[in-house]
Amino acid sequence: MKQPKTLTVDEALEQWQSFDTILDARTPAEFLDDHLPGAANAAVLSDEERITIGTIYKQVSAFEAKKRGAALTARNIAAYIENQCLERARDWRPLVYCWRGGNRSGSLAIILAQIGFPVVQLEGGYKAFRARVMQDLTTLPQGFRFVVLCGTTGSGKSRVLETIGAQGAQTLDLEALANHRGSVLGPIPNKPQPSQRHFETLLWSALKKLDPSQPVFVECESKKVGNVRVPEELMLTIRSGKCIVIDSALQQRVALLRRDYPHWESDFNSFADRMQALEAALGKDKVQNLLQRSQAGLWNEVVETLLVDHYDPAYLKSIHRNFKEYETAQTIALSGIDDSALQACARQVISAEPSTSNPTTA
C-alpha cells in the first residue's frame, strides 16, 4: 500500500511554497478557531459527528467508536474527493493535517496517496504547528526595529500607517489583523474578530514576512485590541521602539472619526449599547447627555466631547506610562484628511526613520 510522505513542521515550513493546497482535516469549528495560513477545511468529521464518536468512545468502547468513525470518515472523504479532487492533475501536492497528525489526516492522506497524488501528512498536526507559533512569538519580535506611530484618538495614525505601507515601507497593522479599531467604539460591522489563537497565527505569519534589516512601522496600541491580546514579547518590543507623533487639529480629528465610524451614526441602538461601557469613566448623566445630543444629530459635539473628556486624557496617561521613547518623539503634522495630505505625512514619517533601502513612494 502506498503511504503518504510525512514532514515535521520545520520541514513543511521550508517547503511551504511547494504545496498546492493546505488541507485541514479537522472539524469546521476547530478550523474556525485557528488553522495553518492559507488552509482549506476538508473535514473528515463534522462538529456533530465528532461529538457523537467521542461520546461512544467514552460510554461504550473504543472499538465501537472506531467502527462508526470509520464509516463516517469514509463517507465524508468520498464526498470531498468527488467534489474537490476529480479535476486535479496527478502532480497536485497537498499538505494534510489534523489535530495531532493521527487518524483524521492519516485517513485522508492514505486515500489521496492511493489515488496517486504526492500528498504529504504533517507530523504532529496542528498541535505541533501551534507550538512553533508560540515559540516564535517569543523570539521573532526581538529581531525587529519598530517605529511607533503615536497620536491622540482621531489623529490619523491608522490612515497614515496604511499609506506608509502603500508607499513600500514595512508595516505591522495590529488593528487590521484583529478586525478592531482598539477602543470601546472599535468593533467593525460585519467583521467578527479572530479567536485569540488565530490572531496569534496571523501575527506570526505577518512577522515571518518582514525583513529584520528594515524598520517596521506600527501604531501604538494597548495590550488588548478588542477581545484579543497582543503577545507579551511583541508588546514589550513595540513599546521600546522609537516614537513618532502624528499631530492633528481637534476639528480635523472629529471629521476623520466621523468618516471612519459612520455606522454609529446610522445605528443609534448599537451606539447606545456601546456607550454604556463609558458610564464608569464619564458618569451616567454625561453618557445620557451624549446620547441625547447624538439623537439630535449633533455628532460633531458628541465626538468632540468624547475626545476631550475621555479619549485624550486616557491616551496621554497611557502613552507616557508605556512608551519609553515618547518624551523625545518627533512630531509630524497631518495637514488634512485627503489622500495628498496622508501621502505627504507618510513620506515625512518614512524619511524620519532611515532604512538600508528606499521604499517606492506614491
Protein backbone atom coordinates (compact mmCIF):
# COMPACT_ATOMS: atom_id res chain seq x y z
CA MET A 1 0.00 0.00 0.00
CA LYS A 2 1.36 3.36 -0.99
CA GLN A 3 1.84 5.54 2.10
CA PRO A 4 1.84 9.33 2.19
CA LYS A 5 5.10 11.09 2.91
CA THR A 6 5.35 12.79 6.30
CA LEU A 7 7.17 16.00 7.22
CA THR A 8 7.85 17.77 10.51
CA VAL A 9 6.62 21.35 10.97
CA ASP A 10 10.09 22.76 10.29
CA GLU A 11 10.46 20.66 7.15
CA ALA A 12 6.99 21.64 5.95
CA LEU A 13 7.68 25.33 6.50
CA GLU A 14 10.88 25.06 4.45
CA GLN A 15 8.89 23.50 1.60
CA TRP A 16 5.78 25.67 2.06
CA GLN A 17 5.76 27.10 -1.45
CA SER A 18 5.85 23.61 -2.97
CA PHE A 19 2.38 22.69 -1.66
CA ASP A 20 -0.56 23.38 -3.94
CA THR A 21 -3.11 23.16 -1.14
CA ILE A 22 -3.08 23.00 2.67
CA LEU A 23 -5.89 20.72 3.87
CA ASP A 24 -7.22 20.85 7.43
CA ALA A 25 -8.98 17.56 8.17
CA ARG A 26 -10.42 18.78 11.50
CA THR A 27 -14.00 19.87 12.10
CA PRO A 28 -15.34 23.24 10.90
CA ALA A 29 -15.36 24.55 14.49
CA GLU A 30 -11.71 23.60 15.02
CA PHE A 31 -10.84 25.18 11.68
CA LEU A 32 -12.69 28.39 12.56
CA ASP A 33 -10.84 28.68 15.87
CA ASP A 34 -7.48 28.56 14.08
CA HIS A 35 -5.74 26.93 11.14
CA LEU A 36 -2.49 26.98 9.22
CA PRO A 37 -2.05 30.01 6.91
CA GLY A 38 -3.91 29.54 3.65
CA ALA A 39 -5.51 26.25 4.71
CA ALA A 40 -8.85 24.99 3.39
CA ASN A 41 -11.17 22.89 5.52
CA ALA A 42 -11.54 19.28 4.38
CA ALA A 43 -13.32 17.97 7.48
CA VAL A 44 -13.46 14.18 7.68
CA LEU A 45 -15.95 14.52 10.56
CA SER A 46 -18.48 17.28 11.14
CA ASP A 47 -18.70 19.00 14.53
CA GLU A 48 -21.74 16.91 15.45
CA GLU A 49 -20.17 13.67 14.22
CA ARG A 50 -17.03 14.24 16.26
CA ILE A 51 -19.11 14.78 19.41
CA THR A 52 -21.09 11.60 18.70
CA ILE A 53 -17.97 9.50 18.17
CA GLY A 54 -16.36 10.94 21.30
CA THR A 55 -19.42 10.04 23.34
CA ILE A 56 -19.40 6.47 22.02
CA TYR A 57 -15.68 6.21 22.81
CA LYS A 58 -16.25 7.22 26.43
CA GLN A 59 -19.58 5.49 27.11
CA VAL A 60 -19.35 2.31 25.02
CA SER A 61 -15.89 1.37 23.76
CA ALA A 62 -13.01 2.46 21.59
CA PHE A 63 -13.81 -0.35 19.15
CA GLU A 64 -17.39 0.80 18.60
CA ALA A 65 -16.23 4.40 18.22
CA LYS A 66 -13.63 3.42 15.61
CA LYS A 67 -16.15 1.40 13.58
CA ARG A 68 -18.69 4.22 13.45
CA GLY A 69 -15.96 6.82 12.96
CA ALA A 70 -14.52 4.88 10.04
CA ALA A 71 -17.90 4.74 8.32
CA LEU A 72 -18.48 8.47 8.72
CA THR A 73 -14.91 9.33 7.73
CA ALA A 74 -15.06 7.16 4.59
CA ARG A 75 -18.34 8.78 3.57
CA ASN A 76 -17.02 12.33 4.08
CA ILE A 77 -13.70 11.66 2.33
CA ALA A 78 -15.58 10.16 -0.62
CA ALA A 79 -17.69 13.31 -0.87
CA TYR A 80 -14.58 15.51 -0.68
CA ILE A 81 -12.83 13.56 -3.46
CA GLU A 82 -15.91 13.64 -5.64
CA ASN A 83 -16.45 17.38 -5.14
CA GLN A 84 -12.87 18.65 -5.00
CA CYS A 85 -10.40 16.17 -6.49
CA LEU A 86 -11.78 14.73 -9.73
CA GLU A 87 -10.35 17.58 -11.80
CA ARG A 88 -6.98 17.60 -10.03
CA ALA A 89 -3.86 16.77 -12.04
CA ARG A 90 -1.61 13.89 -10.97
CA ASP A 91 1.09 16.29 -9.66
CA TRP A 92 -1.31 18.09 -7.24
CA ARG A 93 0.62 18.16 -3.94
CA PRO A 94 -1.45 18.83 -0.82
CA LEU A 95 -0.24 19.08 2.77
CA VAL A 96 -2.75 17.40 5.08
CA TYR A 97 -3.03 17.82 8.84
CA CYS A 98 -5.42 17.29 11.75
CA TRP A 99 -5.11 17.90 15.50
CA ARG A 100 -2.07 15.68 16.17
CA GLY A 101 -1.32 14.19 12.77
CA GLY A 102 -3.21 10.99 13.54
CA ASN A 103 -6.31 9.21 12.31
CA ARG A 104 -8.23 12.00 10.63
CA SER A 105 -5.43 13.40 8.46
CA GLY A 106 -3.99 9.90 8.06
CA SER A 107 -7.25 8.57 6.62
CA LEU A 108 -7.49 11.38 4.09
CA ALA A 109 -3.79 11.28 3.22
CA ILE A 110 -3.71 7.49 2.68
CA ILE A 111 -6.62 7.59 0.23
CA LEU A 112 -5.12 10.53 -1.67
CA ALA A 113 -1.79 8.69 -1.81
CA GLN A 114 -3.52 5.55 -3.13
CA ILE A 115 -5.06 7.61 -5.89
CA GLY A 116 -1.55 8.69 -6.86
CA PHE A 117 -1.29 12.25 -5.56
CA PRO A 118 2.08 13.17 -3.97
CA VAL A 119 0.35 14.02 -0.69
CA VAL A 120 2.27 14.97 2.47
CA GLN A 121 1.00 14.50 6.04
CA LEU A 122 2.13 16.91 8.76
CA GLU A 123 3.74 15.16 11.71
CA GLY A 124 2.24 16.31 14.98
CA GLY A 125 -0.54 18.14 13.12
CA TYR A 126 -1.95 21.46 14.24
CA LYS A 127 -0.65 20.90 17.78
CA ALA A 128 2.95 20.89 16.53
CA PHE A 129 2.33 23.95 14.36
CA ARG A 130 0.77 25.79 17.30
CA ALA A 131 3.83 25.04 19.43
CA ARG A 132 6.05 26.51 16.69
CA VAL A 133 3.91 29.68 16.52
CA MET A 134 4.03 30.24 20.27
CA GLN A 135 7.78 29.67 20.40
CA ASP A 136 8.43 32.05 17.51
CA LEU A 137 6.23 34.76 19.01
CA THR A 138 8.59 34.91 22.00
CA THR A 139 11.70 35.29 19.83
CA LEU A 140 10.78 36.89 16.48
CA PRO A 141 9.82 40.36 17.81
CA GLN A 142 13.28 40.90 19.29
CA GLY A 143 14.78 40.91 15.80
CA PHE A 144 12.80 43.91 14.54
CA ARG A 145 13.24 47.67 14.85
CA PHE A 146 9.77 49.06 15.44
CA VAL A 147 8.85 52.69 14.75
CA VAL A 148 5.68 53.53 16.66
CA LEU A 149 3.12 55.99 15.33
CA CYS A 150 1.62 57.84 18.31
CA GLY A 151 -1.08 60.46 18.50
CA THR A 152 -4.39 61.10 20.17
CA THR A 153 -7.56 59.34 19.00
CA GLY A 154 -8.56 60.51 15.54
CA SER A 155 -5.14 61.95 14.71
CA GLY A 156 -4.95 59.73 11.62
CA LYS A 157 -2.42 57.13 12.81
CA SER A 158 -4.22 54.23 11.15
CA ARG A 159 -4.65 56.10 7.86
CA VAL A 160 -1.01 57.16 7.86
CA LEU A 161 0.13 53.62 8.65
CA GLU A 162 -1.90 52.28 5.74
CA THR A 163 -0.40 54.93 3.46
CA ILE A 164 3.12 54.09 4.66
CA GLY A 165 2.52 50.50 3.61
CA ALA A 166 1.19 51.62 0.23
CA GLN A 167 4.41 53.60 -0.26
CA GLY A 168 6.50 50.45 0.12
CA ALA A 169 7.69 50.56 3.72
CA GLN A 170 7.16 47.69 6.16
CA THR A 171 4.16 47.88 8.47
CA LEU A 172 2.52 45.72 11.11
CA ASP A 173 -1.17 46.65 11.31
CA LEU A 174 -2.44 45.16 14.57
CA GLU A 175 -5.92 46.64 14.17
CA ALA A 176 -6.33 45.17 10.70
CA LEU A 177 -5.24 41.73 11.93
CA ALA A 178 -7.60 41.99 14.91
CA ASN A 179 -10.56 43.37 12.91
CA HIS A 180 -10.98 46.05 15.55
CA ARG A 181 -10.05 49.73 15.95
CA GLY A 182 -8.89 49.34 19.51
CA SER A 183 -11.43 51.20 21.63
CA VAL A 184 -14.90 50.85 23.15
CA LEU A 185 -16.29 52.06 19.82
CA GLY A 186 -13.80 49.99 17.83
CA PRO A 187 -15.85 46.96 16.63
CA ILE A 188 -16.13 46.85 12.83
CA PRO A 189 -19.60 45.96 11.45
CA ASN A 190 -19.85 42.52 9.83
CA LYS A 191 -16.22 41.77 10.67
CA PRO A 192 -16.02 39.47 13.69
CA GLN A 193 -12.69 39.35 15.48
CA PRO A 194 -10.50 36.28 15.09
CA SER A 195 -10.06 33.94 18.03
CA GLN A 196 -7.00 34.53 20.20
CA ARG A 197 -5.27 31.54 18.60
CA HIS A 198 -5.99 32.71 15.07
CA PHE A 199 -4.90 36.26 15.89
CA GLU A 200 -1.58 34.84 17.07
CA THR A 201 -1.25 32.81 13.87
CA LEU A 202 -1.97 35.92 11.79
CA LEU A 203 0.67 37.84 13.76
CA TRP A 204 3.19 35.03 13.31
CA SER A 205 2.53 34.91 9.57
CA ALA A 206 2.90 38.70 9.27
CA LEU A 207 6.15 38.75 11.25
CA LYS A 208 7.62 35.91 9.18
CA LYS A 209 7.20 38.03 6.04
CA LEU A 210 9.06 41.06 7.43
CA ASP A 211 12.72 41.90 6.80
CA PRO A 212 14.57 42.43 10.11
CA SER A 213 17.08 44.71 8.39
CA GLN A 214 14.37 47.29 7.69
CA PRO A 215 12.29 49.33 10.16
CA VAL A 216 8.73 48.18 10.83
CA PHE A 217 6.11 50.91 11.31
CA VAL A 218 3.36 50.11 13.78
CA GLU A 219 0.60 52.02 15.56
CA CYS A 220 0.71 52.41 19.34
CA GLU A 221 -1.83 50.06 20.86
CA SER A 222 -2.98 48.76 24.21
CA LYS A 223 -2.23 45.20 25.24
CA LYS A 224 -5.71 44.25 24.05
CA VAL A 225 -7.21 45.13 20.69
CA GLY A 226 -10.85 44.47 21.29
CA ASN A 227 -11.10 40.94 22.63
CA VAL A 228 -7.67 39.72 21.53
CA ARG A 229 -4.42 40.23 23.38
CA VAL A 230 -1.09 41.17 21.77
CA PRO A 231 1.59 38.63 22.81
CA GLU A 232 3.72 39.93 25.65
CA GLU A 233 7.13 39.85 23.94
CA LEU A 234 5.78 41.66 20.88
CA MET A 235 4.12 44.28 23.08
CA LEU A 236 7.31 44.86 25.08
CA THR A 237 9.40 45.22 21.92
CA ILE A 238 6.95 47.66 20.32
CA ARG A 239 6.80 49.76 23.48
CA SER A 240 10.57 50.12 23.50
CA GLY A 241 10.62 51.35 19.88
CA LYS A 242 11.21 54.85 18.55
CA CYS A 243 8.06 57.01 18.63
CA ILE A 244 6.78 59.50 16.05
CA VAL A 245 3.77 61.64 16.97
CA ILE A 246 1.11 62.36 14.34
CA ASP A 247 -0.42 65.71 15.22
CA SER A 248 -3.87 66.77 14.00
CA ALA A 249 -6.12 69.69 14.92
CA LEU A 250 -9.17 68.83 17.04
CA GLN A 251 -11.77 69.64 14.38
CA GLN A 252 -9.82 67.61 11.83
CA ARG A 253 -9.83 64.67 14.24
CA VAL A 254 -13.59 64.99 14.64
CA ALA A 255 -14.04 64.97 10.86
CA LEU A 256 -11.78 61.94 10.41
CA LEU A 257 -13.54 59.95 13.13
CA ARG A 258 -16.94 60.69 11.63
CA ARG A 259 -15.63 59.49 8.28
CA ASP A 260 -14.19 56.29 9.78
CA TYR A 261 -17.14 55.44 12.05
CA PRO A 262 -20.28 56.24 10.02
CA HIS A 263 -22.01 53.08 11.26
CA TRP A 264 -22.50 54.51 14.73
CA GLU A 265 -24.42 57.49 13.33
CA SER A 266 -26.71 55.21 11.34
CA ASP A 267 -27.35 52.73 14.16
CA PHE A 268 -28.26 54.60 17.32
CA ASN A 269 -29.23 51.49 19.31
CA SER A 270 -25.82 49.88 18.78
CA PHE A 271 -24.10 53.17 19.62
CA ALA A 272 -26.11 53.45 22.84
CA ASP A 273 -25.21 49.88 23.81
CA ARG A 274 -21.50 50.57 23.35
CA MET A 275 -21.70 53.86 25.25
CA GLN A 276 -22.85 52.07 28.40
CA ALA A 277 -19.25 50.88 28.80
CA LEU A 278 -18.17 54.51 29.31
CA GLU A 279 -20.51 55.20 32.23
CA ALA A 280 -17.84 54.26 34.78
CA ALA A 281 -15.40 56.79 33.29
CA LEU A 282 -17.77 59.62 32.31
CA GLY A 283 -20.70 59.13 34.64
CA LYS A 284 -24.23 58.11 33.75
CA ASP A 285 -25.51 61.67 33.38
CA LYS A 286 -22.85 62.66 30.86
CA VAL A 287 -23.40 59.49 28.82
CA GLN A 288 -27.13 60.17 28.73
CA ASN A 289 -26.46 63.75 27.62
CA LEU A 290 -24.21 62.47 24.80
CA LEU A 291 -26.90 60.04 23.70
CA GLN A 292 -29.49 62.84 23.63
CA ARG A 293 -27.20 65.01 21.52
CA SER A 294 -26.47 62.13 19.15
CA GLN A 295 -30.22 61.55 18.68
CA ALA A 296 -30.50 65.24 17.83
CA GLY A 297 -27.84 64.82 15.16
CA LEU A 298 -25.21 66.91 16.97
CA TRP A 299 -22.45 64.47 16.10
CA ASN A 300 -19.60 67.00 15.95
CA GLU A 301 -20.35 67.96 19.53
CA VAL A 302 -20.65 64.32 20.63
CA VAL A 303 -17.34 63.31 19.09
CA GLU A 304 -15.51 66.38 20.39
CA THR A 305 -16.79 65.78 23.93
CA LEU A 306 -15.73 62.14 23.81
CA LEU A 307 -12.25 63.18 22.68
CA VAL A 308 -11.71 66.00 25.17
CA ASP A 309 -13.33 64.41 28.21
CA HIS A 310 -12.40 60.75 27.78
CA TYR A 311 -10.11 59.62 25.00
CA ASP A 312 -7.42 62.31 25.21
CA PRO A 313 -6.83 62.10 28.99
CA ALA A 314 -6.83 58.30 28.88
CA TYR A 315 -4.45 58.24 25.91
CA LEU A 316 -1.96 60.71 27.39
CA LYS A 317 -1.89 58.83 30.68
CA SER A 318 -1.25 55.52 28.94
CA ILE A 319 1.30 56.75 26.39
CA HIS A 320 3.54 58.40 28.99
CA ARG A 321 3.45 55.29 31.14
CA ASN A 322 4.01 52.64 28.48
CA PHE A 323 6.13 54.01 25.62
CA LYS A 324 9.70 54.71 26.67
CA GLU A 325 10.65 56.92 23.73
CA TYR A 326 7.53 59.08 23.68
CA GLU A 327 9.08 62.02 25.57
CA THR A 328 11.70 62.52 22.84
CA ALA A 329 9.41 61.74 19.90
CA GLN A 330 9.47 63.81 16.72
CA THR A 331 6.12 65.40 15.87
CA ILE A 332 4.84 65.40 12.30
CA ALA A 333 1.70 67.35 11.43
CA LEU A 334 -1.09 65.84 9.36
CA SER A 335 -2.38 68.84 7.43
CA GLY A 336 -5.64 67.29 6.21
CA ILE A 337 -7.52 64.04 5.74
CA ASP A 338 -7.42 63.81 1.97
CA ASP A 339 -5.09 61.45 0.10
CA SER A 340 -2.47 64.07 -0.71
CA ALA A 341 -2.12 65.10 2.95
CA LEU A 342 -1.87 61.48 4.07
CA GLN A 343 0.76 60.73 1.43
CA ALA A 344 2.81 63.78 2.41
CA CYS A 345 2.67 62.83 6.08
CA ALA A 346 3.62 59.23 5.30
CA ARG A 347 6.66 60.37 3.31
CA GLN A 348 7.79 62.50 6.24
CA VAL A 349 7.43 59.59 8.63
CA ILE A 350 9.39 57.27 6.37
CA SER A 351 12.17 59.82 5.84
CA ALA A 352 12.40 60.36 9.60
CA GLU A 353 13.47 56.73 10.01
CA PRO A 354 16.28 55.93 7.52
CA SER A 355 16.49 52.38 6.22
CA THR A 356 19.04 50.48 4.19
CA SER A 357 16.88 50.76 1.08
CA ASN A 358 14.36 53.29 -0.12
CA PRO A 359 10.68 52.27 -0.42
CA THR A 360 8.75 53.15 -3.52
CA THR A 361 6.88 56.38 -2.93
CA ALA A 362 3.39 57.09 -4.18
